Amino acid sequence: MRAAGDTASFRKELAKRQKSAATAPALLGFEPRNYPYPVRRQVLYDKGTATLYQLHQRLGDEQFFRILTKTAAAKLATTEAFLNLVEKESSRQTREWLLAQLQV
């Protein structure tokens, strides 16, 4: 939505996801099979989206998109691998910040 220039819709959708994310279980250690579908959706789509948005805001377009590109190219499949890449491409402080976000 934002890339298409629909800033108002983007902000509305983001606010909805951020509100939902605030009451969701932590992303780190989340076992989807232990929860009903609505909670799985809340964590994976709302909290995941809100967390990635925060990371994007923290890093800016260039670093954020470089990390996403490298994540896809390397076919990273674990949180630890992603955190290591975030640290390599940004800083130890950003890695620690993101880890904290994943734990709440």
Protein backbone atom coordinates (compact mmCIF):
# COMPACT_ATOMS: atom_id res chain seq x y z
CA MET A 1 0.00 0.00 0.00
CA ARG A 2 2.72 2.42 0.95
CA ALA A 3 4.80 1.62 -2.14
CA ALA A 4 1.70 2.17 -4.28
CA GLY A 5 1.28 5.62 -2.72
CA ASP A 6 -1.74 4.79 -0.58
CA THR A 7 -0.29 6.19 2.61
CA ALA A 8 -3.64 6.61 4.38
CA SER A 9 -4.62 2.96 3.90
CA PHE A 10 -1.12 1.85 4.85
CA ARG A 11 -1.22 3.78 8.13
CA LYS A 12 -4.71 2.49 8.92
CA GLU A 13 -3.73 -1.14 8.29
CA LEU A 14 -0.47 -0.74 10.22
CA ALA A 15 -2.29 0.75 13.22
CA LYS A 16 -4.72 -2.18 13.20
CA ARG A 17 -1.85 -4.69 13.13
CA GLN A 18 0.11 -2.85 15.82
CA LYS A 19 -2.93 -2.84 18.11
CA SER A 20 -3.43 -6.57 17.59
CA ALA A 21 0.29 -7.26 18.05
CA ALA A 22 0.28 -5.60 21.46
CA THR A 23 -1.74 -8.47 22.94
CA ALA A 24 -0.12 -11.33 21.00
CA PRO A 25 2.29 -13.89 22.46
CA ALA A 26 6.01 -13.41 21.80
CA LEU A 27 7.32 -14.32 18.36
CA LEU A 28 10.43 -16.05 19.70
CA GLY A 29 9.56 -19.55 20.79
CA PHE A 30 6.04 -19.35 19.39
CA GLU A 31 4.74 -22.81 18.47
CA PRO A 32 1.86 -22.31 16.01
CA ARG A 33 0.54 -25.86 16.45
CA ASN A 34 -0.17 -25.09 20.12
CA TYR A 35 -2.59 -22.28 19.32
CA PRO A 36 -5.87 -21.88 17.47
CA TYR A 37 -5.81 -20.26 14.04
CA PRO A 38 -6.83 -16.73 15.19
CA VAL A 39 -3.84 -16.57 17.57
CA ARG A 40 -1.46 -17.99 14.96
CA ARG A 41 -2.63 -15.33 12.53
CA GLN A 42 -2.30 -12.60 15.15
CA VAL A 43 1.30 -13.56 15.95
CA LEU A 44 2.58 -14.39 12.48
CA TYR A 45 0.83 -11.69 10.47
CA ASP A 46 0.16 -8.87 12.90
CA LYS A 47 3.08 -9.11 15.31
CA GLY A 48 5.48 -10.19 12.56
CA THR A 49 4.42 -7.27 10.38
CA ALA A 50 4.64 -4.78 13.25
CA THR A 51 8.11 -6.01 14.22
CA LEU A 52 9.44 -5.85 10.67
CA TYR A 53 7.98 -2.34 10.33
CA GLN A 54 9.82 -1.27 13.49
CA LEU A 55 13.05 -2.73 12.14
CA HIS A 56 12.51 -0.90 8.85
CA GLN A 57 11.95 2.38 10.72
CA ARG A 58 15.09 1.82 12.78
CA LEU A 59 17.34 1.00 9.80
CA GLY A 60 15.90 2.97 6.90
CA ASP A 61 15.19 1.73 3.40
CA GLU A 62 18.72 0.96 2.23
CA GLN A 63 19.81 -1.25 5.13
CA PHE A 64 16.41 -2.87 5.60
CA PHE A 65 16.03 -3.89 1.96
CA ARG A 66 19.64 -5.07 1.82
CA ILE A 67 18.93 -7.35 4.80
CA LEU A 68 15.75 -8.70 3.20
CA THR A 69 17.57 -9.31 -0.09
CA LYS A 70 20.42 -11.14 1.64
CA THR A 71 17.95 -13.14 3.75
CA ALA A 72 16.20 -14.39 0.61
CA ALA A 73 19.42 -15.00 -1.31
CA ALA A 74 20.91 -17.04 1.53
CA LYS A 75 17.58 -18.80 2.13
CA LEU A 76 17.88 -18.11 5.84
CA ALA A 77 15.47 -20.24 7.80
CA THR A 78 16.25 -19.60 11.46
CA THR A 79 15.84 -16.66 13.78
CA GLU A 80 19.48 -16.95 14.86
CA ALA A 81 20.70 -16.74 11.26
CA PHE A 82 18.51 -13.69 10.66
CA LEU A 83 19.73 -12.02 13.85
CA ASN A 84 23.34 -12.66 12.81
CA LEU A 85 22.68 -11.06 9.43
CA VAL A 86 21.01 -8.06 11.07
CA GLU A 87 24.07 -7.62 13.27
CA LYS A 88 26.47 -7.95 10.32
CA GLU A 89 24.54 -5.44 8.20
CA SER A 90 23.75 -2.96 10.98
CA SER A 91 25.08 -3.28 14.53
CA ARG A 92 25.18 -5.39 17.67
CA GLN A 93 22.78 -2.90 19.28
CA THR A 94 20.21 -3.44 16.52
CA ARG A 95 20.53 -7.20 16.90
CA GLU A 96 19.95 -6.93 20.66
CA TRP A 97 17.03 -4.55 20.11
CA LEU A 98 15.42 -6.96 17.63
CA LEU A 99 15.95 -9.94 19.91
CA ALA A 100 14.21 -8.03 22.70
CA GLN A 101 11.29 -7.24 20.34
CA LEU A 102 10.96 -10.93 19.51
CA GLN A 103 10.75 -11.84 23.18
CA VAL A 104 7.82 -9.60 24.15
